[in-house]
Amino acid sequence: MVAKVFCVTVVVVFFLSARAEADNEPSACKLSTEEQLLDKVIRTEVKVEAMLSEIRKTEENVLSVLEYRKQDVQKTLTELKETNAAEIGQIKGKMESVVKGNSAKMDIGSSYVRWGRTTCPDDNELVYKGYAAGSSYTSKGGAANYICLTEEPQWGFYEESVAAGTQVHGGEYELGDHHADGGSKYFKKNLNDQDAPCSLCRTPRSSVTMIPGRLECFSGWTKEYSGYLAAGASGHASATEFICLDSDAEMISGGAANRDGRLFYLAEVSCGSLQCPPYIEGRELTCVVCSK
């Protein structure tokens, strides 16, 4: 047993002695390993640098491709906008054409009576011309409105021998009572006691209105005709409406006899509840018929 322990001790001492000698003397094998490690490090750095170079090239290529694609996309968008604008223009043109066509089919327009005239403005259609009429100025009842009778009446059943409850009389200009010249300063001719014509006109525009106190239409409206505001006399039994009597009023041929009937007087301003100014006491009021 002692001999065995001794042998083990000798082996350990020998091994430690050999290890110490090896540590005190440089080894060619150890230097070779360091050189190999350094070489590996250098090679790794070279590879990394090469990889970084490739990455930079790839990045440049990607940026170049992206820039090209950006320009391509912008070009495509511009072409699409131009195409869309052209298509929108074509669609708009077709829609306008359809609207115009539908308007023509729907025959949009409106009508009005032109009092004192037998013709209509140039772009209007003359539906018919005839005679201004209404209830007598002496009637306590009857109708308040003026009507425009056609020159070509058509009859249904009638009884000439039976008196009806109301009568229709012809319209007459009544200007001599208040205007010595028979209204020639207003209408370019003496109209006193003359029978009044009228015409039914159709404008191509959809809305029409009479504006009292104006000779011109407001912006966006078309003037059909202008003149002077007229109605029955305030002291007469029969009420009337206000109408616009054309400033170039005509007279019916052969209608100069003073037979009265439905009368036309010029309307003038009476201040009080009516604001003056802008209105002025005693002035005859103008009027204009406008369409849109």
Protein backbone atom coordinates (compact mmCIF):
# COMPACT_ATOMS: atom_id res chain seq x y z
CA MET A 1 0.00 0.00 0.00
CA VAL A 2 2.83 2.45 0.90
CA ALA A 3 4.69 1.55 -2.27
CA LYS A 4 1.59 2.36 -4.36
CA VAL A 5 1.19 5.82 -2.77
CA PHE A 6 4.84 6.55 -3.34
CA CYS A 7 4.59 5.78 -7.01
CA VAL A 8 1.61 8.11 -7.45
CA THR A 9 3.48 10.87 -5.65
CA VAL A 10 6.50 10.51 -7.93
CA VAL A 11 4.29 10.73 -11.04
CA VAL A 12 2.58 13.90 -9.80
CA VAL A 13 5.91 15.57 -8.92
CA PHE A 14 7.29 14.70 -12.36
CA PHE A 15 4.19 16.11 -14.11
CA LEU A 16 4.30 19.39 -12.19
CA SER A 17 8.02 19.80 -12.87
CA ALA A 18 7.47 19.29 -16.59
CA ARG A 19 4.57 21.79 -16.61
CA ALA A 20 6.78 24.44 -14.92
CA GLU A 21 9.54 24.00 -17.49
CA ALA A 22 7.03 24.31 -20.28
CA ASP A 23 5.69 27.58 -18.88
CA ASN A 24 9.21 29.09 -18.57
CA GLU A 25 10.14 28.43 -22.24
CA PRO A 26 8.24 30.04 -25.27
CA SER A 27 6.45 27.54 -27.40
CA ALA A 28 6.35 27.65 -31.17
CA CYS A 29 2.97 25.99 -31.08
CA LYS A 30 1.54 28.73 -28.78
CA LEU A 31 2.83 31.59 -31.04
CA SER A 32 1.44 29.87 -34.07
CA THR A 33 -2.02 29.80 -32.47
CA GLU A 34 -1.97 33.56 -31.77
CA GLU A 35 -0.94 34.27 -35.31
CA GLN A 36 -3.73 32.08 -36.54
CA LEU A 37 -6.24 33.94 -34.35
CA LEU A 38 -4.96 37.30 -35.61
CA ASP A 39 -5.20 36.07 -39.16
CA LYS A 40 -8.75 34.95 -38.55
CA VAL A 41 -9.60 38.36 -37.08
CA ILE A 42 -8.09 40.15 -40.06
CA ARG A 43 -9.91 37.88 -42.49
CA THR A 44 -13.16 38.44 -40.59
CA GLU A 45 -12.69 42.21 -40.77
CA VAL A 46 -12.06 41.99 -44.51
CA LYS A 47 -15.21 39.90 -44.94
CA VAL A 48 -17.23 42.33 -42.80
CA GLU A 49 -15.95 45.26 -44.85
CA ALA A 50 -16.85 43.43 -48.04
CA MET A 51 -20.32 42.70 -46.67
CA LEU A 52 -20.77 46.35 -45.66
CA SER A 53 -19.74 47.41 -49.14
CA GLU A 54 -22.28 45.03 -50.64
CA ILE A 55 -24.92 46.37 -48.24
CA ARG A 56 -24.12 49.95 -49.29
CA LYS A 57 -24.36 49.00 -52.96
CA THR A 58 -27.62 47.20 -52.31
CA GLU A 59 -28.93 50.25 -50.43
CA GLU A 60 -27.97 52.53 -53.34
CA ASN A 61 -29.66 50.18 -55.78
CA VAL A 62 -32.78 50.04 -53.62
CA LEU A 63 -32.89 53.86 -53.35
CA SER A 64 -32.39 54.17 -57.08
CA VAL A 65 -35.22 51.72 -57.74
CA LEU A 66 -37.45 53.51 -55.24
CA GLU A 67 -36.74 56.88 -56.88
CA TYR A 68 -37.54 55.43 -60.27
CA ARG A 69 -40.72 53.88 -58.94
CA LYS A 70 -41.62 57.20 -57.31
CA GLN A 71 -41.22 59.01 -60.62
CA ASP A 72 -43.16 56.25 -62.35
CA VAL A 73 -45.97 56.50 -59.79
CA GLN A 74 -46.07 60.32 -60.11
CA LYS A 75 -46.21 60.00 -63.89
CA THR A 76 -49.02 57.45 -63.59
CA LEU A 77 -50.94 59.72 -61.18
CA THR A 78 -50.54 62.67 -63.55
CA GLU A 79 -51.79 60.58 -66.46
CA LEU A 80 -54.73 59.37 -64.35
CA LYS A 81 -55.60 62.95 -63.37
CA GLU A 82 -55.48 64.07 -67.00
CA THR A 83 -57.54 61.07 -68.04
CA ASN A 84 -60.04 61.62 -65.25
CA ALA A 85 -60.28 65.33 -66.09
CA ALA A 86 -60.97 64.46 -69.72
CA GLU A 87 -63.51 61.80 -68.74
CA ILE A 88 -65.16 64.17 -66.24
CA GLY A 89 -65.36 66.80 -68.97
CA GLN A 90 -66.98 64.31 -71.31
CA ILE A 91 -69.41 63.17 -68.62
CA LYS A 92 -70.24 66.78 -67.76
CA GLY A 93 -70.83 67.53 -71.43
CA LYS A 94 -73.11 64.50 -71.74
CA MET A 95 -74.99 65.47 -68.57
CA GLU A 96 -75.50 69.02 -69.84
CA SER A 97 -76.68 67.63 -73.14
CA VAL A 98 -79.09 65.31 -71.33
CA VAL A 99 -80.33 68.17 -69.13
CA LYS A 100 -80.87 70.36 -72.18
CA GLY A 101 -82.60 67.51 -73.92
CA ASN A 102 -84.82 66.86 -70.92
CA SER A 103 -85.52 70.56 -70.61
CA ALA A 104 -86.60 70.62 -74.21
CA LYS A 105 -88.75 67.55 -73.64
CA MET A 106 -90.20 69.01 -70.46
CA ASP A 107 -90.76 72.27 -72.38
CA ILE A 108 -89.82 74.47 -69.42
CA GLY A 109 -91.15 78.02 -69.51
CA SER A 110 -93.72 80.37 -68.02
CA SER A 111 -96.34 82.81 -69.25
CA TYR A 112 -97.56 86.32 -68.42
CA VAL A 113 -99.93 88.93 -69.81
CA ARG A 114 -98.40 91.96 -71.48
CA TRP A 115 -100.97 94.67 -70.81
CA GLY A 116 -101.44 97.27 -73.52
CA ARG A 117 -99.55 95.40 -76.25
CA THR A 118 -100.39 92.93 -79.03
CA THR A 119 -96.84 91.60 -79.40
CA CYS A 120 -94.26 89.85 -77.19
CA PRO A 121 -90.48 90.30 -76.68
CA ASP A 122 -88.22 88.74 -79.33
CA ASP A 123 -87.34 85.51 -77.50
CA ASN A 124 -90.94 84.95 -76.32
CA GLU A 125 -93.75 83.03 -77.94
CA LEU A 126 -96.97 84.92 -78.65
CA VAL A 127 -99.66 82.55 -77.39
CA TYR A 128 -102.43 84.92 -78.43
CA LYS A 129 -103.37 88.60 -78.54
CA GLY A 130 -106.71 90.06 -77.58
CA TYR A 131 -108.63 92.49 -75.44
CA ALA A 132 -108.15 93.66 -71.85
CA ALA A 133 -111.39 93.10 -69.90
CA GLY A 134 -113.01 92.66 -66.49
CA SER A 135 -115.92 93.69 -64.31
CA SER A 136 -117.34 97.22 -64.72
CA TYR A 137 -115.85 99.94 -62.55
CA THR A 138 -119.34 100.53 -61.15
CA SER A 139 -119.85 96.94 -59.96
CA LYS A 140 -119.93 96.49 -56.20
CA GLY A 141 -119.31 92.80 -56.66
CA GLY A 142 -117.91 90.94 -59.65
CA ALA A 143 -114.24 90.10 -60.09
CA ALA A 144 -111.29 92.21 -59.02
CA ASN A 145 -108.81 90.94 -61.58
CA TYR A 146 -108.21 92.03 -65.17
CA ILE A 147 -108.41 89.31 -67.84
CA CYS A 148 -107.02 89.09 -71.37
CA LEU A 149 -109.71 87.83 -73.80
CA THR A 150 -108.66 86.19 -77.06
CA GLU A 151 -109.72 87.50 -80.48
CA GLU A 152 -111.07 84.05 -81.35
CA PRO A 153 -113.72 83.06 -78.79
CA GLN A 154 -115.24 79.59 -78.74
CA TRP A 155 -118.74 79.02 -77.37
CA GLY A 156 -120.31 76.24 -75.42
CA PHE A 157 -124.03 76.24 -74.54
CA TYR A 158 -125.40 79.77 -74.21
CA GLU A 159 -128.66 81.68 -73.55
CA GLU A 160 -128.52 85.20 -74.95
CA SER A 161 -131.96 86.08 -73.60
CA VAL A 162 -131.10 85.19 -69.98
CA ALA A 163 -129.15 87.67 -67.85
CA ALA A 164 -126.16 86.14 -66.04
CA GLY A 165 -125.07 87.12 -62.55
CA THR A 166 -121.94 88.97 -63.67
CA GLN A 167 -120.73 90.74 -66.80
CA VAL A 168 -117.38 91.15 -68.51
CA HIS A 169 -116.60 94.60 -69.96
CA GLY A 170 -113.77 95.76 -72.18
CA GLY A 171 -110.80 97.59 -70.73
CA GLU A 172 -110.33 101.29 -71.36
CA TYR A 173 -107.51 103.72 -70.61
CA GLU A 174 -108.85 106.45 -68.32
CA LEU A 175 -106.12 109.09 -68.36
CA GLY A 176 -107.89 112.35 -69.25
CA ASP A 177 -109.34 112.92 -65.78
CA HIS A 178 -105.89 113.43 -64.27
CA HIS A 179 -103.58 113.92 -67.27
CA ALA A 180 -104.57 116.65 -69.75
CA ASP A 181 -102.45 115.16 -72.50
CA GLY A 182 -104.13 111.76 -72.23
CA GLY A 183 -100.96 110.16 -70.91
CA SER A 184 -98.79 110.95 -73.94
CA LYS A 185 -95.86 111.92 -71.70
CA TYR A 186 -95.96 108.41 -70.26
CA PHE A 187 -96.94 106.30 -73.27
CA LYS A 188 -95.75 108.43 -76.24
CA LYS A 189 -99.36 108.90 -77.40
CA ASN A 190 -102.74 110.11 -76.16
CA LEU A 191 -104.51 107.01 -74.88
CA ASN A 192 -107.44 108.59 -73.06
CA ASP A 193 -110.71 106.62 -73.51
CA GLN A 194 -109.03 104.25 -75.97
CA ASP A 195 -109.77 100.53 -75.63
CA ALA A 196 -106.82 98.52 -74.34
CA PRO A 197 -105.35 95.42 -76.02
CA CYS A 198 -103.27 92.69 -74.37
CA SER A 199 -101.22 89.64 -75.27
CA LEU A 200 -100.36 86.39 -73.58
CA CYS A 201 -96.62 85.76 -73.86
CA ARG A 202 -94.60 82.67 -73.09
CA THR A 203 -91.00 83.16 -71.95
CA PRO A 204 -88.46 80.29 -72.15
CA ARG A 205 -87.53 80.99 -68.51
CA SER A 206 -89.31 79.13 -65.73
CA SER A 207 -90.16 81.98 -63.34
CA VAL A 208 -91.83 85.32 -64.03
CA THR A 209 -92.84 88.18 -61.73
CA MET A 210 -93.92 91.82 -61.81
CA ILE A 211 -91.87 94.22 -59.69
CA PRO A 212 -93.63 97.52 -58.89
CA GLY A 213 -91.57 100.70 -58.51
CA ARG A 214 -88.77 99.51 -60.83
CA LEU A 215 -87.86 99.99 -64.49
CA GLU A 216 -85.06 97.39 -64.48
CA CYS A 217 -84.84 93.87 -63.09
CA PHE A 218 -82.54 92.85 -60.28
CA SER A 219 -79.32 91.00 -61.05
CA GLY A 220 -79.81 87.53 -62.53
CA TRP A 221 -83.27 88.30 -63.96
CA THR A 222 -84.28 89.06 -67.55
CA LYS A 223 -86.43 92.05 -68.40
CA GLU A 224 -89.54 91.20 -70.44
CA TYR A 225 -91.07 94.68 -70.49
CA SER A 226 -91.49 97.76 -68.30
CA GLY A 227 -94.10 100.48 -67.91
CA TYR A 228 -96.35 102.09 -65.33
CA LEU A 229 -98.34 100.57 -62.49
CA ALA A 230 -102.08 100.80 -63.18
CA ALA A 231 -105.39 99.84 -61.52
CA GLY A 232 -108.97 101.06 -61.10
CA ALA A 233 -109.69 104.37 -59.36
CA SER A 234 -109.73 104.40 -55.56
CA GLY A 235 -113.18 106.00 -55.45
CA HIS A 236 -114.89 103.46 -57.70
CA ALA A 237 -117.17 100.72 -56.37
CA SER A 238 -115.28 97.86 -58.01
CA ALA A 239 -111.98 96.75 -56.55
CA THR A 240 -109.17 95.87 -58.96
CA GLU A 241 -105.69 94.45 -58.97
CA PHE A 242 -102.50 96.29 -59.90
CA ILE A 243 -101.09 95.45 -63.33
CA CYS A 244 -98.05 96.64 -65.30
CA LEU A 245 -99.18 98.71 -68.29
CA ASP A 246 -96.55 98.69 -71.06
CA SER A 247 -94.75 102.03 -71.53
CA ASP A 248 -95.34 101.73 -75.30
CA ALA A 249 -99.01 100.80 -74.95
CA GLU A 250 -101.14 100.39 -78.06
CA MET A 251 -104.84 101.02 -78.64
CA ILE A 252 -107.48 98.88 -80.34
CA SER A 253 -108.49 100.24 -83.72
CA GLY A 254 -111.97 101.80 -83.59
CA GLY A 255 -112.05 101.84 -79.79
CA ALA A 256 -111.91 105.59 -79.15
CA ALA A 257 -115.51 105.96 -77.89
CA ASN A 258 -115.86 106.70 -74.18
CA ARG A 259 -117.79 103.62 -73.07
CA ASP A 260 -115.87 103.01 -69.87
CA GLY A 261 -116.06 99.40 -68.58
CA ARG A 262 -112.94 98.05 -66.95
CA LEU A 263 -110.77 101.14 -66.47
CA PHE A 264 -107.03 101.73 -66.21
CA TYR A 265 -105.70 104.58 -64.07
CA LEU A 266 -102.07 105.31 -63.29
CA ALA A 267 -101.09 104.53 -59.69
CA GLU A 268 -99.22 107.13 -57.64
CA VAL A 269 -97.45 107.25 -54.26
CA SER A 270 -99.36 108.23 -51.11
CA CYS A 271 -96.99 108.75 -48.20
CA GLY A 272 -97.88 107.82 -44.65
CA SER A 273 -97.61 104.15 -43.85
CA LEU A 274 -95.64 103.93 -47.09
CA GLN A 275 -92.05 104.98 -46.39
CA CYS A 276 -91.10 108.34 -47.93
CA PRO A 277 -88.25 108.41 -48.76
CA PRO A 278 -87.39 106.34 -50.69
CA TYR A 279 -90.83 106.92 -52.23
CA ILE A 280 -92.06 110.46 -53.02
CA GLU A 281 -95.60 111.76 -52.58
CA GLY A 282 -97.64 112.04 -55.79
CA ARG A 283 -95.18 110.38 -58.17
CA GLU A 284 -96.55 107.80 -60.61
CA LEU A 285 -95.11 104.35 -59.97
CA THR A 286 -93.21 102.41 -62.61
CA CYS A 287 -93.13 98.62 -62.99
CA VAL A 288 -91.15 95.90 -64.71
CA VAL A 289 -91.93 92.29 -65.60
CA CYS A 290 -88.92 89.99 -65.07
CA SER A 291 -88.20 86.33 -65.73
CA LYS A 292 -85.54 83.84 -64.66
